[in-house]
Protein backbone atom coordinates (compact mmCIF):
# COMPACT_ATOMS: atom_id res chain seq x y z
CA MET A 1 0.00 0.00 0.00
CA ILE A 2 1.38 3.38 -0.99
CA ARG A 3 2.21 5.63 1.94
CA ASN A 4 0.46 8.70 0.51
CA SER A 5 -2.77 6.74 0.20
CA LYS A 6 -2.67 6.05 3.93
CA ASN A 7 -2.35 9.76 4.65
CA ILE A 8 -5.39 10.38 2.48
CA ILE A 9 -7.32 7.65 4.30
CA ALA A 10 -6.48 9.22 7.66
CA ILE A 11 -7.83 12.60 6.53
CA PHE A 12 -10.96 10.95 5.12
CA ILE A 13 -11.61 9.11 8.40
CA ALA A 14 -11.14 12.27 10.44
CA LEU A 15 -13.77 14.00 8.30
CA ILE A 16 -16.35 11.24 8.10
CA THR A 17 -16.34 10.33 11.79
CA ILE A 18 -17.75 13.76 12.63
CA SER A 19 -20.69 13.35 10.26
CA VAL A 20 -24.16 12.36 11.56
CA ALA A 21 -25.94 9.14 10.61
CA TYR A 22 -29.02 7.28 11.74
CA GLY A 23 -28.55 3.99 13.66
CA GLN A 24 -30.30 3.25 16.96
CA GLU A 25 -29.35 1.71 20.31
CA ARG A 26 -31.26 -0.36 22.87
CA ASN A 27 -30.11 -1.76 26.20
CA SER A 28 -30.85 -5.15 27.71
CA SER A 29 -29.80 -6.47 31.11
CA ASN A 30 -26.20 -7.17 30.16
CA THR A 31 -25.77 -6.02 26.55
CA LYS A 32 -26.18 -3.03 24.28
CA ILE A 33 -28.04 -3.70 21.06
CA LEU A 34 -27.43 -1.96 17.78
CA ASP A 35 -30.89 -2.04 16.17
CA TRP A 36 -30.81 -1.56 12.39
CA SER A 37 -34.57 -2.08 12.02
CA ILE A 38 -35.78 1.27 13.40
CA ASP A 39 -36.90 3.76 10.76
CA PRO A 40 -34.41 6.59 10.43
CA ILE A 41 -35.03 10.32 10.28
CA ILE A 42 -34.03 11.78 6.92
CA LEU A 43 -30.75 13.59 7.57
CA LYS A 44 -28.31 15.67 5.60
CA TYR A 45 -25.13 13.84 4.64
CA ASP A 46 -21.81 14.94 3.14
CA ALA A 47 -22.88 13.84 -0.34
CA GLY A 48 -26.54 14.87 -0.04
CA ILE A 49 -29.56 13.02 1.38
CA ILE A 50 -28.95 9.47 2.60
CA LYS A 51 -30.36 7.15 -0.03
CA SER A 52 -33.27 4.98 1.05
CA SER A 53 -31.63 1.95 -0.61
CA ARG A 54 -28.78 2.09 1.91
CA TYR A 55 -31.24 2.11 4.80
CA LYS A 56 -33.28 -0.76 3.35
CA GLU A 57 -30.11 -2.81 2.98
CA SER A 58 -28.92 -2.05 6.54
CA LYS A 59 -32.36 -2.82 7.96
CA LYS A 60 -31.96 -6.44 6.86
CA CYS A 61 -29.11 -6.84 9.36
CA GLY A 62 -31.57 -6.71 12.26
CA ASN A 63 -30.11 -6.52 15.77
CA ILE A 64 -26.47 -6.89 16.81
CA SER A 65 -25.58 -7.08 20.50
CA PHE A 66 -22.37 -6.10 22.29
CA LYS A 67 -21.26 -6.64 25.88
CA PHE A 68 -19.16 -4.30 28.04
CA LEU A 69 -21.91 -1.73 28.65
CA GLU A 70 -19.46 0.55 30.46
CA LEU A 71 -17.37 0.84 27.27
CA VAL A 72 -19.92 0.89 24.44
CA ASN A 73 -22.31 3.55 23.17
CA PHE A 74 -23.95 3.99 19.78
CA LYS A 75 -25.13 7.16 18.10
CA GLY A 76 -26.29 6.87 14.56
CA PHE A 77 -23.98 4.62 12.58
CA GLN A 78 -21.15 5.20 15.05
CA LEU A 79 -19.62 3.05 17.78
CA PHE A 80 -18.25 5.06 20.70
CA ILE A 81 -15.68 3.48 22.99
CA THR A 82 -16.27 5.66 26.01
CA LYS A 83 -13.37 4.51 28.16
CA LYS A 84 -10.95 7.40 28.60
CA ILE A 85 -7.33 6.33 28.87
CA PRO A 86 -5.73 8.09 31.90
CA HIS A 87 -3.60 11.15 31.08
CA ASP A 88 -4.52 10.97 27.38
CA ASN A 89 -5.47 14.44 26.21
CA ASN A 90 -6.10 13.07 22.73
CA SER A 91 -8.90 10.69 23.75
CA ASP A 92 -11.43 13.51 24.18
CA PHE A 93 -12.84 13.16 20.66
CA LEU A 94 -16.64 13.53 20.89
CA SER A 95 -17.64 11.51 23.98
CA GLY A 96 -14.37 11.29 25.90
CA GLY A 97 -13.20 8.20 24.10
CA ILE A 98 -12.87 7.26 20.45
CA THR A 99 -15.29 6.78 17.56
CA PHE A 100 -15.77 4.30 14.71
CA SER A 101 -18.18 4.73 11.82
CA LEU A 102 -20.27 1.64 11.05
CA ASP A 103 -22.05 0.11 8.09
CA CYS A 104 -24.09 -3.08 7.84
CA THR A 105 -25.19 -4.95 4.75
CA THR A 106 -26.41 -8.33 3.50
CA GLN A 107 -24.30 -7.93 0.37
CA VAL A 108 -21.41 -9.92 1.78
CA ASN A 109 -17.91 -9.74 0.31
CA LEU A 110 -15.29 -11.88 2.06
CA THR A 111 -12.44 -10.44 0.02
CA LYS A 112 -11.17 -6.87 0.14
CA ASP A 113 -8.33 -5.38 -1.87
CA ASN A 114 -5.71 -6.20 0.76
CA ILE A 115 -7.44 -8.85 2.92
CA ARG A 116 -8.69 -12.30 2.03
CA PHE A 117 -9.86 -15.43 3.85
CA ASN A 118 -7.65 -18.51 3.49
CA ASP A 119 -9.98 -21.52 3.29
CA THR A 120 -7.12 -23.87 4.15
CA THR A 121 -5.88 -22.20 7.34
CA LYS A 122 -9.30 -20.63 8.15
CA GLN A 123 -7.49 -17.37 8.83
CA TRP A 124 -7.61 -13.90 7.34
CA GLU A 125 -4.47 -12.81 5.53
CA LEU A 126 -3.01 -9.49 4.38
CA SER A 127 -1.76 -9.01 0.85
CA LYS A 128 1.98 -9.52 0.35
CA GLU A 129 2.37 -5.78 -0.27
CA ASP A 130 0.89 -4.89 3.11
CA GLN A 131 2.83 -7.62 4.89
CA GLU A 132 6.03 -5.99 3.66
CA ASP A 133 4.98 -2.38 4.29
CA TYR A 134 7.24 -0.77 6.89
CA ILE A 135 6.96 2.69 8.42
CA GLU A 136 9.35 4.86 6.47
CA GLY A 137 12.84 4.98 7.98
CA THR A 138 12.10 2.29 10.59
CA LYS A 139 12.00 -1.48 10.96
CA LEU A 140 8.42 -1.34 12.23
CA LYS A 141 5.65 -2.82 10.11
CA SER A 142 2.85 -0.41 9.30
CA ASP A 143 0.09 -3.01 8.89
CA GLN A 144 -1.24 -5.52 11.41
CA LEU A 145 -4.13 -7.96 11.08
CA TYR A 146 -6.10 -9.41 14.00
CA GLN A 147 -8.55 -12.33 13.85
CA LEU A 148 -12.05 -11.98 15.33
CA HIS A 149 -14.09 -14.92 16.65
CA THR A 150 -17.46 -14.17 18.27
CA PRO A 151 -20.30 -16.48 19.43
CA ASN A 152 -21.86 -16.51 15.94
CA ALA A 153 -19.56 -14.49 13.70
CA PHE A 154 -15.97 -14.16 12.51
CA GLY A 155 -13.88 -11.41 11.00
CA TRP A 156 -10.83 -9.19 11.24
CA VAL A 157 -9.38 -5.91 12.47
CA HIS A 158 -6.77 -4.28 10.23
CA THR A 159 -4.57 -1.45 11.51
CA MET A 160 -2.06 0.72 9.67
CA ILE A 161 0.11 3.71 10.59
CA SER A 162 -0.28 7.05 8.83
CA PHE A 163 2.19 9.96 9.12
CA ASP A 164 1.09 13.58 9.48
CA VAL A 165 3.71 15.54 7.56
CA MET A 166 2.59 18.90 8.95
CA GLY A 167 2.39 17.88 12.62
CA GLY A 168 5.16 15.31 12.77
CA SER A 169 2.80 12.87 14.47
CA TYR A 170 1.39 9.48 13.53
CA THR A 171 -2.08 7.94 13.64
CA LYS A 172 -3.04 4.29 13.83
CA ILE A 173 -6.05 3.72 11.59
CA ALA A 174 -8.27 0.72 12.34
CA ASN A 175 -10.87 -0.83 10.07
CA PHE A 176 -12.78 -4.04 10.67
CA CYS A 177 -15.43 -6.39 9.34
CA LEU A 178 -17.55 -9.02 11.08
CA PHE A 179 -19.43 -11.70 9.12
CA ASN A 180 -22.17 -13.87 10.57
CA ASN A 181 -21.50 -17.61 10.43
CA LYS A 182 -24.07 -17.98 7.65
CA LYS A 183 -22.10 -15.44 5.57
CA THR A 184 -25.29 -13.51 4.86
CA LYS A 185 -24.53 -10.30 6.81
CA GLN A 186 -21.48 -8.16 7.42
CA LEU A 187 -20.85 -5.32 9.86
CA CYS A 188 -17.86 -3.14 8.98
CA GLY A 189 -16.36 -0.02 10.53
CA PHE A 190 -13.36 2.27 10.60
CA GLY A 191 -11.76 5.04 12.66
CA ASN A 192 -8.55 6.14 14.34
CA SER A 193 -7.47 3.86 17.20
CA GLN A 194 -4.23 5.48 18.39
CA TYR A 195 -2.62 8.90 18.34
CA ILE A 196 1.18 8.74 18.32
CA PRO A 197 2.56 12.22 19.02
CA ASN A 198 6.13 11.67 17.82
CA ARG A 199 8.53 9.20 16.23
CA LYS A 200 9.98 8.06 19.57
CA GLN A 201 6.62 6.55 20.57
CA LEU A 202 6.20 4.44 17.43
CA GLY A 203 5.67 0.82 18.36
CA THR A 204 4.34 1.57 21.85
CA THR A 205 0.85 0.75 23.12
CA LYS A 206 0.44 4.10 24.85
CA PHE A 207 -3.05 5.52 24.24
CA ASP A 208 -3.87 2.61 21.91
CA TYR A 209 -7.57 1.69 21.76
CA THR A 210 -7.02 -1.27 19.43
CA PRO A 211 -7.07 -3.95 22.20
CA ILE A 212 -10.30 -2.47 23.60
CA LEU A 213 -11.88 -2.43 20.14
CA ILE A 214 -10.97 -6.09 19.59
CA LYS A 215 -12.33 -7.03 23.02
CA ILE A 216 -15.67 -5.38 22.25
CA LEU A 217 -16.00 -6.79 18.73
CA ASN A 218 -15.35 -10.32 20.00
CA THR A 219 -18.61 -10.11 21.99
CA ALA A 220 -20.78 -9.22 18.98
CA GLN A 221 -23.76 -11.45 18.15
CA PHE A 222 -26.17 -11.24 15.22
CA LEU A 223 -29.34 -11.72 17.28
CA ASP A 224 -31.73 -12.37 14.37
CA ASP A 225 -29.74 -15.41 13.20
CA LYS A 226 -31.35 -18.68 14.26
């Protein structure tokens, strides 16, 4: 993956995560439920009015539950991880934590440009290009891939490091997809999972929300699947 494209992705994510969308949330005794079946209010979007076809497609996903109530909130098509990391002035984005935009569809695609499922090993794999992509001037790999296994779904979290030329800082970008075991629904999302203020802190886990994100996603269940 070309380094400049990652910088563009980081800018795109920063812009889109502050936009408003229309998902809904319900609570049960020990879970929070992302309910895709509730009719949305027509809202303005960056590219105009949200198309009804997108809503109709998302509605087919039904309900998806998550545990860790103290960490999870939903607003529109956004997942908020509300845990604030101590002494992290950069985790104040929106709700005092970090935000991931979400999308759900029944048009399942198990292969992305740089990620594919290996039917032999039953594992997700990065493209050779991303496996060999190092942060410029270092021996640190930019891309990492994590496997997800939930009670009735499977998927991946992919992270990559982007460099801010103007600020001299770095950002870890995370995107993910979960597929129900029937391979008839997929929930995907993306956002920034770590702010790295300078080159010296590359490779550290300081202020990194990626482990928390993985922990939450591994509790997801597609409740309408029988």
